[in-house]
Amino acid sequence: QNFVKLACAAPWLHHSGGTVCEPTDV
């Protein structure tokens, strides 16, 4: 969730991506 938030806030990224990291606790 943190990396999704960072990508959302970053003005120079246009896309949120996909598996930005594996949530291994799920």
mmCIF file of all heavy atoms, coordinates in Angstrom:
data_MODEL
# 
_entry.id   MODEL 
# 
loop_
_atom_site.group_PDB 
_atom_site.id 
_atom_site.type_symbol 
_atom_site.label_atom_id 
_atom_site.label_alt_id 
_atom_site.label_comp_id 
_atom_site.label_asym_id 
_atom_site.label_entity_id 
_atom_site.label_seq_id 
_atom_site.pdbx_PDB_ins_code 
_atom_site.Cartn_x 
_atom_site.Cartn_y 
_atom_site.Cartn_z 
_atom_site.occupancy 
_atom_site.B_iso_or_equiv 
_atom_site.pdbx_formal_charge 
_atom_site.auth_seq_id 
_atom_site.auth_comp_id 
_atom_site.auth_asym_id 
_atom_site.auth_atom_id 
_atom_site.pdbx_PDB_model_num 
ATOM 1   N N   . GLN A 1 1  ? 0.825  -1.205  0.000   1.00 0.00 ? 1  GLN A N   1 
ATOM 2   C CA  . GLN A 1 1  ? 0.000  0.000   0.000   1.00 0.00 ? 1  GLN A CA  1 
ATOM 3   C C   . GLN A 1 1  ? 0.861  1.256   0.000   1.00 0.00 ? 1  GLN A C   1 
ATOM 4   O O   . GLN A 1 1  ? 0.525  2.249   -0.667  1.00 0.00 ? 1  GLN A O   1 
ATOM 5   C CB  . GLN A 1 1  ? -0.930 -0.029  1.206   1.00 0.00 ? 1  GLN A CB  1 
ATOM 6   C CG  . GLN A 1 1  ? -1.979 -1.139  1.138   1.00 0.00 ? 1  GLN A CG  1 
ATOM 7   C CD  . GLN A 1 1  ? -2.738 -1.308  2.439   1.00 0.00 ? 1  GLN A CD  1 
ATOM 8   O OE1 . GLN A 1 1  ? -2.361 -0.767  3.484   1.00 0.00 ? 1  GLN A OE1 1 
ATOM 9   N NE2 . GLN A 1 1  ? -3.818 -2.090  2.403   1.00 0.00 ? 1  GLN A NE2 1 
ATOM 10  N N   . ASN A 1 2  ? 1.970  1.219   0.723   1.00 0.00 ? 2  ASN A N   1 
ATOM 11  C CA  . ASN A 1 2  ? 2.869  2.381   0.733   1.00 0.00 ? 2  ASN A CA  1 
ATOM 12  C C   . ASN A 1 2  ? 3.384  2.704   -0.662  1.00 0.00 ? 2  ASN A C   1 
ATOM 13  O O   . ASN A 1 2  ? 3.432  3.880   -1.076  1.00 0.00 ? 2  ASN A O   1 
ATOM 14  C CB  . ASN A 1 2  ? 4.053  2.125   1.671   1.00 0.00 ? 2  ASN A CB  1 
ATOM 15  C CG  . ASN A 1 2  ? 3.711  2.288   3.129   1.00 0.00 ? 2  ASN A CG  1 
ATOM 16  O OD1 . ASN A 1 2  ? 2.670  2.858   3.482   1.00 0.00 ? 2  ASN A OD1 1 
ATOM 17  N ND2 . ASN A 1 2  ? 4.560  1.781   4.000   1.00 0.00 ? 2  ASN A ND2 1 
ATOM 18  N N   . PHE A 1 3  ? 3.817  1.673   -1.398  1.00 0.00 ? 3  PHE A N   1 
ATOM 19  C CA  . PHE A 1 3  ? 4.357  1.930   -2.735  1.00 0.00 ? 3  PHE A CA  1 
ATOM 20  C C   . PHE A 1 3  ? 3.262  2.385   -3.702  1.00 0.00 ? 3  PHE A C   1 
ATOM 21  O O   . PHE A 1 3  ? 3.527  3.206   -4.592  1.00 0.00 ? 3  PHE A O   1 
ATOM 22  C CB  . PHE A 1 3  ? 5.091  0.697   -3.263  1.00 0.00 ? 3  PHE A CB  1 
ATOM 23  C CG  . PHE A 1 3  ? 6.468  0.537   -2.690  1.00 0.00 ? 3  PHE A CG  1 
ATOM 24  C CD1 . PHE A 1 3  ? 6.779  -0.523  -1.857  1.00 0.00 ? 3  PHE A CD1 1 
ATOM 25  C CD2 . PHE A 1 3  ? 7.469  1.458   -2.978  1.00 0.00 ? 3  PHE A CD2 1 
ATOM 26  C CE1 . PHE A 1 3  ? 8.052  -0.668  -1.320  1.00 0.00 ? 3  PHE A CE1 1 
ATOM 27  C CE2 . PHE A 1 3  ? 8.748  1.335   -2.443  1.00 0.00 ? 3  PHE A CE2 1 
ATOM 28  C CZ  . PHE A 1 3  ? 9.039  0.271   -1.614  1.00 0.00 ? 3  PHE A CZ  1 
ATOM 29  N N   . VAL A 1 4  ? 2.042  1.901   -3.537  1.00 0.00 ? 4  VAL A N   1 
ATOM 30  C CA  . VAL A 1 4  ? 0.947  2.409   -4.356  1.00 0.00 ? 4  VAL A CA  1 
ATOM 31  C C   . VAL A 1 4  ? 0.716  3.891   -4.050  1.00 0.00 ? 4  VAL A C   1 
ATOM 32  O O   . VAL A 1 4  ? 0.520  4.713   -4.964  1.00 0.00 ? 4  VAL A O   1 
ATOM 33  C CB  . VAL A 1 4  ? -0.336 1.590   -4.115  1.00 0.00 ? 4  VAL A CB  1 
ATOM 34  C CG1 . VAL A 1 4  ? -1.543 2.253   -4.786  1.00 0.00 ? 4  VAL A CG1 1 
ATOM 35  C CG2 . VAL A 1 4  ? -0.169 0.176   -4.642  1.00 0.00 ? 4  VAL A CG2 1 
ATOM 36  N N   . LYS A 1 5  ? 0.762  4.250   -2.776  1.00 0.00 ? 5  LYS A N   1 
ATOM 37  C CA  . LYS A 1 5  ? 0.591  5.650   -2.393  1.00 0.00 ? 5  LYS A CA  1 
ATOM 38  C C   . LYS A 1 5  ? 1.721  6.517   -2.943  1.00 0.00 ? 5  LYS A C   1 
ATOM 39  O O   . LYS A 1 5  ? 1.484  7.626   -3.441  1.00 0.00 ? 5  LYS A O   1 
ATOM 40  C CB  . LYS A 1 5  ? 0.523  5.763   -0.870  1.00 0.00 ? 5  LYS A CB  1 
ATOM 41  C CG  . LYS A 1 5  ? -0.714 5.127   -0.254  1.00 0.00 ? 5  LYS A CG  1 
ATOM 42  C CD  . LYS A 1 5  ? -0.637 5.120   1.269   1.00 0.00 ? 5  LYS A CD  1 
ATOM 43  C CE  . LYS A 1 5  ? -1.840 4.423   1.880   1.00 0.00 ? 5  LYS A CE  1 
ATOM 44  N NZ  . LYS A 1 5  ? -1.749 4.392   3.377   1.00 0.00 ? 5  LYS A NZ  1 
ATOM 45  N N   . LEU A 1 6  ? 2.952  6.027   -2.852  1.00 0.00 ? 6  LEU A N   1 
ATOM 46  C CA  . LEU A 1 6  ? 4.085  6.784   -3.378  1.00 0.00 ? 6  LEU A CA  1 
ATOM 47  C C   . LEU A 1 6  ? 3.958  6.980   -4.884  1.00 0.00 ? 6  LEU A C   1 
ATOM 48  O O   . LEU A 1 6  ? 4.235  8.071   -5.409  1.00 0.00 ? 6  LEU A O   1 
ATOM 49  C CB  . LEU A 1 6  ? 5.392  6.073   -3.041  1.00 0.00 ? 6  LEU A CB  1 
ATOM 50  C CG  . LEU A 1 6  ? 5.826  6.094   -1.575  1.00 0.00 ? 6  LEU A CG  1 
ATOM 51  C CD1 . LEU A 1 6  ? 7.011  5.164   -1.353  1.00 0.00 ? 6  LEU A CD1 1 
ATOM 52  C CD2 . LEU A 1 6  ? 6.175  7.512   -1.122  1.00 0.00 ? 6  LEU A CD2 1 
ATOM 53  N N   . ALA A 1 7  ? 3.547  5.941   -5.597  1.00 0.00 ? 7  ALA A N   1 
ATOM 54  C CA  . ALA A 1 7  ? 3.385  6.061   -7.043  1.00 0.00 ? 7  ALA A CA  1 
ATOM 55  C C   . ALA A 1 7  ? 2.262  7.025   -7.390  1.00 0.00 ? 7  ALA A C   1 
ATOM 56  O O   . ALA A 1 7  ? 2.342  7.767   -8.375  1.00 0.00 ? 7  ALA A O   1 
ATOM 57  C CB  . ALA A 1 7  ? 3.118  4.689   -7.667  1.00 0.00 ? 7  ALA A CB  1 
ATOM 58  N N   . CYS A 1 8  ? 1.204  7.018   -6.597  1.00 0.00 ? 8  CYS A N   1 
ATOM 59  C CA  . CYS A 1 8  ? 0.105  7.948   -6.824  1.00 0.00 ? 8  CYS A CA  1 
ATOM 60  C C   . CYS A 1 8  ? 0.563  9.386   -6.626  1.00 0.00 ? 8  CYS A C   1 
ATOM 61  O O   . CYS A 1 8  ? 0.192  10.282  -7.388  1.00 0.00 ? 8  CYS A O   1 
ATOM 62  C CB  . CYS A 1 8  ? -1.056 7.619   -5.881  1.00 0.00 ? 8  CYS A CB  1 
ATOM 63  S SG  . CYS A 1 8  ? -2.507 8.669   -6.090  1.00 0.00 ? 8  CYS A SG  1 
ATOM 64  N N   . ALA A 1 9  ? 1.391  9.604   -5.610  1.00 0.00 ? 9  ALA A N   1 
ATOM 65  C CA  . ALA A 1 9  ? 1.845  10.960  -5.287  1.00 0.00 ? 9  ALA A CA  1 
ATOM 66  C C   . ALA A 1 9  ? 2.969  11.439  -6.190  1.00 0.00 ? 9  ALA A C   1 
ATOM 67  O O   . ALA A 1 9  ? 3.208  12.651  -6.274  1.00 0.00 ? 9  ALA A O   1 
ATOM 68  C CB  . ALA A 1 9  ? 2.306  11.006  -3.828  1.00 0.00 ? 9  ALA A CB  1 
ATOM 69  N N   . ALA A 1 10 ? 3.673  10.527  -6.847  1.00 0.00 ? 10 ALA A N   1 
ATOM 70  C CA  . ALA A 1 10 ? 4.831  10.901  -7.664  1.00 0.00 ? 10 ALA A CA  1 
ATOM 71  C C   . ALA A 1 10 ? 4.368  11.532  -8.978  1.00 0.00 ? 10 ALA A C   1 
ATOM 72  O O   . ALA A 1 10 ? 3.697  10.866  -9.776  1.00 0.00 ? 10 ALA A O   1 
ATOM 73  C CB  . ALA A 1 10 ? 5.697  9.676   -7.942  1.00 0.00 ? 10 ALA A CB  1 
ATOM 74  N N   . PRO A 1 11 ? 4.719  12.770  -9.244  1.00 0.00 ? 11 PRO A N   1 
ATOM 75  C CA  . PRO A 1 11 ? 4.231  13.418  -10.469 1.00 0.00 ? 11 PRO A CA  1 
ATOM 76  C C   . PRO A 1 11 ? 4.824  12.848  -11.741 1.00 0.00 ? 11 PRO A C   1 
ATOM 77  O O   . PRO A 1 11 ? 4.265  13.038  -12.817 1.00 0.00 ? 11 PRO A O   1 
ATOM 78  C CB  . PRO A 1 11 ? 4.632  14.883  -10.276 1.00 0.00 ? 11 PRO A CB  1 
ATOM 79  C CG  . PRO A 1 11 ? 5.815  14.833  -9.355  1.00 0.00 ? 11 PRO A CG  1 
ATOM 80  C CD  . PRO A 1 11 ? 5.556  13.681  -8.434  1.00 0.00 ? 11 PRO A CD  1 
ATOM 81  N N   . TRP A 1 12 ? 5.943  12.142  -11.649 1.00 0.00 ? 12 TRP A N   1 
ATOM 82  C CA  . TRP A 1 12 ? 6.648  11.673  -12.849 1.00 0.00 ? 12 TRP A CA  1 
ATOM 83  C C   . TRP A 1 12 ? 6.379  10.207  -13.161 1.00 0.00 ? 12 TRP A C   1 
ATOM 84  O O   . TRP A 1 12 ? 6.956  9.667   -14.098 1.00 0.00 ? 12 TRP A O   1 
ATOM 85  C CB  . TRP A 1 12 ? 8.152  11.919  -12.693 1.00 0.00 ? 12 TRP A CB  1 
ATOM 86  C CG  . TRP A 1 12 ? 8.455  13.330  -12.302 1.00 0.00 ? 12 TRP A CG  1 
ATOM 87  C CD1 . TRP A 1 12 ? 9.090  13.736  -11.163 1.00 0.00 ? 12 TRP A CD1 1 
ATOM 88  C CD2 . TRP A 1 12 ? 8.126  14.518  -13.022 1.00 0.00 ? 12 TRP A CD2 1 
ATOM 89  N NE1 . TRP A 1 12 ? 9.177  15.109  -11.129 1.00 0.00 ? 12 TRP A NE1 1 
ATOM 90  C CE2 . TRP A 1 12 ? 8.590  15.612  -12.269 1.00 0.00 ? 12 TRP A CE2 1 
ATOM 91  C CE3 . TRP A 1 12 ? 7.474  14.768  -14.236 1.00 0.00 ? 12 TRP A CE3 1 
ATOM 92  C CZ2 . TRP A 1 12 ? 8.428  16.922  -12.687 1.00 0.00 ? 12 TRP A CZ2 1 
ATOM 93  C CZ3 . TRP A 1 12 ? 7.308  16.084  -14.649 1.00 0.00 ? 12 TRP A CZ3 1 
ATOM 94  C CH2 . TRP A 1 12 ? 7.787  17.139  -13.878 1.00 0.00 ? 12 TRP A CH2 1 
ATOM 95  N N   . LEU A 1 13 ? 5.530  9.550   -12.373 1.00 0.00 ? 13 LEU A N   1 
ATOM 96  C CA  . LEU A 1 13 ? 5.047  8.206   -12.707 1.00 0.00 ? 13 LEU A CA  1 
ATOM 97  C C   . LEU A 1 13 ? 3.611  8.338   -13.207 1.00 0.00 ? 13 LEU A C   1 
ATOM 98  O O   . LEU A 1 13 ? 2.790  9.015   -12.582 1.00 0.00 ? 13 LEU A O   1 
ATOM 99  C CB  . LEU A 1 13 ? 5.097  7.271   -11.500 1.00 0.00 ? 13 LEU A CB  1 
ATOM 100 C CG  . LEU A 1 13 ? 6.490  6.909   -10.966 1.00 0.00 ? 13 LEU A CG  1 
ATOM 101 C CD1 . LEU A 1 13 ? 6.368  5.979   -9.763  1.00 0.00 ? 13 LEU A CD1 1 
ATOM 102 C CD2 . LEU A 1 13 ? 7.357  6.271   -12.041 1.00 0.00 ? 13 LEU A CD2 1 
ATOM 103 N N   . HIS A 1 14 ? 3.310  7.671   -14.298 1.00 0.00 ? 14 HIS A N   1 
ATOM 104 C CA  . HIS A 1 14 ? 2.006  7.822   -14.932 1.00 0.00 ? 14 HIS A CA  1 
ATOM 105 C C   . HIS A 1 14 ? 1.080  6.650   -14.641 1.00 0.00 ? 14 HIS A C   1 
ATOM 106 O O   . HIS A 1 14 ? -0.109 6.725   -14.947 1.00 0.00 ? 14 HIS A O   1 
ATOM 107 C CB  . HIS A 1 14 ? 2.187  7.932   -16.451 1.00 0.00 ? 14 HIS A CB  1 
ATOM 108 C CG  . HIS A 1 14 ? 3.302  8.842   -16.835 1.00 0.00 ? 14 HIS A CG  1 
ATOM 109 N ND1 . HIS A 1 14 ? 4.512  8.385   -17.317 1.00 0.00 ? 14 HIS A ND1 1 
ATOM 110 C CD2 . HIS A 1 14 ? 3.405  10.196  -16.770 1.00 0.00 ? 14 HIS A CD2 1 
ATOM 111 C CE1 . HIS A 1 14 ? 5.309  9.409   -17.545 1.00 0.00 ? 14 HIS A CE1 1 
ATOM 112 N NE2 . HIS A 1 14 ? 4.672  10.515  -17.225 1.00 0.00 ? 14 HIS A NE2 1 
ATOM 113 N N   . HIS A 1 15 ? 1.615  5.600   -14.075 1.00 0.00 ? 15 HIS A N   1 
ATOM 114 C CA  . HIS A 1 15 ? 0.905  4.329   -13.940 1.00 0.00 ? 15 HIS A CA  1 
ATOM 115 C C   . HIS A 1 15 ? 1.203  3.762   -12.561 1.00 0.00 ? 15 HIS A C   1 
ATOM 116 O O   . HIS A 1 15 ? 2.308  3.904   -12.046 1.00 0.00 ? 15 HIS A O   1 
ATOM 117 C CB  . HIS A 1 15 ? 1.395  3.378   -15.033 1.00 0.00 ? 15 HIS A CB  1 
ATOM 118 C CG  . HIS A 1 15 ? 0.528  2.220   -15.334 1.00 0.00 ? 15 HIS A CG  1 
ATOM 119 N ND1 . HIS A 1 15 ? 0.496  1.105   -14.534 1.00 0.00 ? 15 HIS A ND1 1 
ATOM 120 C CD2 . HIS A 1 15 ? -0.336 1.972   -16.355 1.00 0.00 ? 15 HIS A CD2 1 
ATOM 121 C CE1 . HIS A 1 15 ? -0.350 0.224   -15.058 1.00 0.00 ? 15 HIS A CE1 1 
ATOM 122 N NE2 . HIS A 1 15 ? -0.871 0.728   -16.159 1.00 0.00 ? 15 HIS A NE2 1 
ATOM 123 N N   . SER A 1 16 ? 0.214  3.112   -11.955 1.00 0.00 ? 16 SER A N   1 
ATOM 124 C CA  . SER A 1 16 ? 0.377  2.581   -10.605 1.00 0.00 ? 16 SER A CA  1 
ATOM 125 C C   . SER A 1 16 ? 1.136  1.267   -10.568 1.00 0.00 ? 16 SER A C   1 
ATOM 126 O O   . SER A 1 16 ? 1.597  0.834   -9.513  1.00 0.00 ? 16 SER A O   1 
ATOM 127 C CB  . SER A 1 16 ? -1.013 2.394   -9.970  1.00 0.00 ? 16 SER A CB  1 
ATOM 128 O OG  . SER A 1 16 ? -0.935 2.145   -8.593  1.00 0.00 ? 16 SER A OG  1 
ATOM 129 N N   . GLY A 1 17 ? 1.302  0.599   -11.739 1.00 0.00 ? 17 GLY A N   1 
ATOM 130 C CA  . GLY A 1 17 ? 2.016  -0.667  -11.789 1.00 0.00 ? 17 GLY A CA  1 
ATOM 131 C C   . GLY A 1 17 ? 1.127  -1.829  -11.372 1.00 0.00 ? 17 GLY A C   1 
ATOM 132 O O   . GLY A 1 17 ? -0.100 -1.766  -11.450 1.00 0.00 ? 17 GLY A O   1 
ATOM 133 N N   . GLY A 1 18 ? 1.748  -2.890  -10.917 1.00 0.00 ? 18 GLY A N   1 
ATOM 134 C CA  . GLY A 1 18 ? 1.025  -4.093  -10.539 1.00 0.00 ? 18 GLY A CA  1 
ATOM 135 C C   . GLY A 1 18 ? 1.486  -4.612  -9.194  1.00 0.00 ? 18 GLY A C   1 
ATOM 136 O O   . GLY A 1 18 ? 1.207  -4.026  -8.151  1.00 0.00 ? 18 GLY A O   1 
ATOM 137 N N   . THR A 1 19 ? 2.238  -5.720  -9.197  1.00 0.00 ? 19 THR A N   1 
ATOM 138 C CA  . THR A 1 19 ? 2.756  -6.296  -7.956  1.00 0.00 ? 19 THR A CA  1 
ATOM 139 C C   . THR A 1 19 ? 3.994  -5.498  -7.547  1.00 0.00 ? 19 THR A C   1 
ATOM 140 O O   . THR A 1 19 ? 5.129  -5.931  -7.766  1.00 0.00 ? 19 THR A O   1 
ATOM 141 C CB  . THR A 1 19 ? 3.087  -7.786  -8.145  1.00 0.00 ? 19 THR A CB  1 
ATOM 142 O OG1 . THR A 1 19 ? 1.943  -8.450  -8.657  1.00 0.00 ? 19 THR A OG1 1 
ATOM 143 C CG2 . THR A 1 19 ? 3.484  -8.433  -6.831  1.00 0.00 ? 19 THR A CG2 1 
ATOM 144 N N   . VAL A 1 20 ? 3.778  -4.341  -6.953  1.00 0.00 ? 20 VAL A N   1 
ATOM 145 C CA  . VAL A 1 20 ? 4.897  -3.462  -6.610  1.00 0.00 ? 20 VAL A CA  1 
ATOM 146 C C   . VAL A 1 20 ? 5.805  -4.100  -5.562  1.00 0.00 ? 20 VAL A C   1 
ATOM 147 O O   . VAL A 1 20 ? 6.976  -3.742  -5.452  1.00 0.00 ? 20 VAL A O   1 
ATOM 148 C CB  . VAL A 1 20 ? 4.409  -2.078  -6.150  1.00 0.00 ? 20 VAL A CB  1 
ATOM 149 C CG1 . VAL A 1 20 ? 3.857  -1.288  -7.331  1.00 0.00 ? 20 VAL A CG1 1 
ATOM 150 C CG2 . VAL A 1 20 ? 3.341  -2.190  -5.058  1.00 0.00 ? 20 VAL A CG2 1 
ATOM 151 N N   . CYS A 1 21 ? 5.280  -5.006  -4.789  1.00 0.00 ? 21 CYS A N   1 
ATOM 152 C CA  . CYS A 1 21 ? 6.060  -5.944  -3.973  1.00 0.00 ? 21 CYS A CA  1 
ATOM 153 C C   . CYS A 1 21 ? 5.093  -7.045  -3.580  1.00 0.00 ? 21 CYS A C   1 
ATOM 154 O O   . CYS A 1 21 ? 3.872  -6.876  -3.661  1.00 0.00 ? 21 CYS A O   1 
ATOM 155 C CB  . CYS A 1 21 ? 6.687  -5.280  -2.737  1.00 0.00 ? 21 CYS A CB  1 
ATOM 156 S SG  . CYS A 1 21 ? 5.501  -4.800  -1.446  1.00 0.00 ? 21 CYS A SG  1 
ATOM 157 N N   . GLU A 1 22 ? 5.611  -8.178  -3.167  1.00 0.00 ? 22 GLU A N   1 
ATOM 158 C CA  . GLU A 1 22 ? 4.747  -9.265  -2.728  1.00 0.00 ? 22 GLU A CA  1 
ATOM 159 C C   . GLU A 1 22 ? 4.316  -9.037  -1.278  1.00 0.00 ? 22 GLU A C   1 
ATOM 160 O O   . GLU A 1 22 ? 5.168  -8.928  -0.385  1.00 0.00 ? 22 GLU A O   1 
ATOM 161 C CB  . GLU A 1 22 ? 5.462  -10.616 -2.838  1.00 0.00 ? 22 GLU A CB  1 
ATOM 162 C CG  . GLU A 1 22 ? 5.559  -11.157 -4.244  1.00 0.00 ? 22 GLU A CG  1 
ATOM 163 C CD  . GLU A 1 22 ? 4.231  -11.675 -4.777  1.00 0.00 ? 22 GLU A CD  1 
ATOM 164 O OE1 . GLU A 1 22 ? 3.290  -11.861 -3.973  1.00 0.00 ? 22 GLU A OE1 1 
ATOM 165 O OE2 . GLU A 1 22 ? 4.142  -11.900 -6.000  1.00 0.00 ? 22 GLU A OE2 1 
ATOM 166 N N   . PRO A 1 23 ? 3.011  -8.959  -1.015  1.00 0.00 ? 23 PRO A N   1 
ATOM 167 C CA  . PRO A 1 23 ? 2.547  -8.870  0.381   1.00 0.00 ? 23 PRO A CA  1 
ATOM 168 C C   . PRO A 1 23 ? 2.540  -10.259 1.013   1.00 0.00 ? 23 PRO A C   1 
ATOM 169 O O   . PRO A 1 23 ? 1.526  -10.959 1.036   1.00 0.00 ? 23 PRO A O   1 
ATOM 170 C CB  . PRO A 1 23 ? 1.139  -8.293  0.237   1.00 0.00 ? 23 PRO A CB  1 
ATOM 171 C CG  . PRO A 1 23 ? 0.676  -8.743  -1.109  1.00 0.00 ? 23 PRO A CG  1 
ATOM 172 C CD  . PRO A 1 23 ? 1.911  -8.856  -1.977  1.00 0.00 ? 23 PRO A CD  1 
ATOM 173 N N   . THR A 1 24 ? 3.683  -10.671 1.530   1.00 0.00 ? 24 THR A N   1 
ATOM 174 C CA  . THR A 1 24 ? 3.860  -12.061 1.959   1.00 0.00 ? 24 THR A CA  1 
ATOM 175 C C   . THR A 1 24 ? 3.112  -12.395 3.243   1.00 0.00 ? 24 THR A C   1 
ATOM 176 O O   . THR A 1 24 ? 3.088  -13.560 3.654   1.00 0.00 ? 24 THR A O   1 
ATOM 177 C CB  . THR A 1 24 ? 5.349  -12.377 2.155   1.00 0.00 ? 24 THR A CB  1 
ATOM 178 O OG1 . THR A 1 24 ? 5.887  -11.519 3.174   1.00 0.00 ? 24 THR A OG1 1 
ATOM 179 C CG2 . THR A 1 24 ? 6.125  -12.156 0.854   1.00 0.00 ? 24 THR A CG2 1 
ATOM 180 N N   . ASP A 1 25 ? 2.484  -11.388 3.874   1.00 0.00 ? 25 ASP A N   1 
ATOM 181 C CA  . ASP A 1 25 ? 1.686  -11.667 5.072   1.00 0.00 ? 25 ASP A CA  1 
ATOM 182 C C   . ASP A 1 25 ? 0.238  -12.012 4.723   1.00 0.00 ? 25 ASP A C   1 
ATOM 183 O O   . ASP A 1 25 ? -0.579 -12.224 5.623   1.00 0.00 ? 25 ASP A O   1 
ATOM 184 C CB  . ASP A 1 25 ? 1.739  -10.478 6.030   1.00 0.00 ? 25 ASP A CB  1 
ATOM 185 C CG  . ASP A 1 25 ? 1.335  -9.161  5.387   1.00 0.00 ? 25 ASP A CG  1 
ATOM 186 O OD1 . ASP A 1 25 ? 1.397  -9.049  4.143   1.00 0.00 ? 25 ASP A OD1 1 
ATOM 187 O OD2 . ASP A 1 25 ? 0.989  -8.219  6.133   1.00 0.00 ? 25 ASP A OD2 1 
ATOM 188 N N   . VAL A 1 26 ? -0.075 -12.078 3.433   1.00 0.00 ? 26 VAL A N   1 
ATOM 189 C CA  . VAL A 1 26 ? -1.415 -12.442 2.974   1.00 0.00 ? 26 VAL A CA  1 
ATOM 190 C C   . VAL A 1 26 ? -1.304 -13.767 2.227   1.00 0.00 ? 26 VAL A C   1 
ATOM 191 O O   . VAL A 1 26 ? -0.361 -13.968 1.448   1.00 0.00 ? 26 VAL A O   1 
ATOM 192 C CB  . VAL A 1 26 ? -2.003 -11.354 2.053   1.00 0.00 ? 26 VAL A CB  1 
ATOM 193 C CG1 . VAL A 1 26 ? -3.419 -11.732 1.602   1.00 0.00 ? 26 VAL A CG1 1 
ATOM 194 C CG2 . VAL A 1 26 ? -2.012 -10.001 2.760   1.00 0.00 ? 26 VAL A CG2 1 
# 
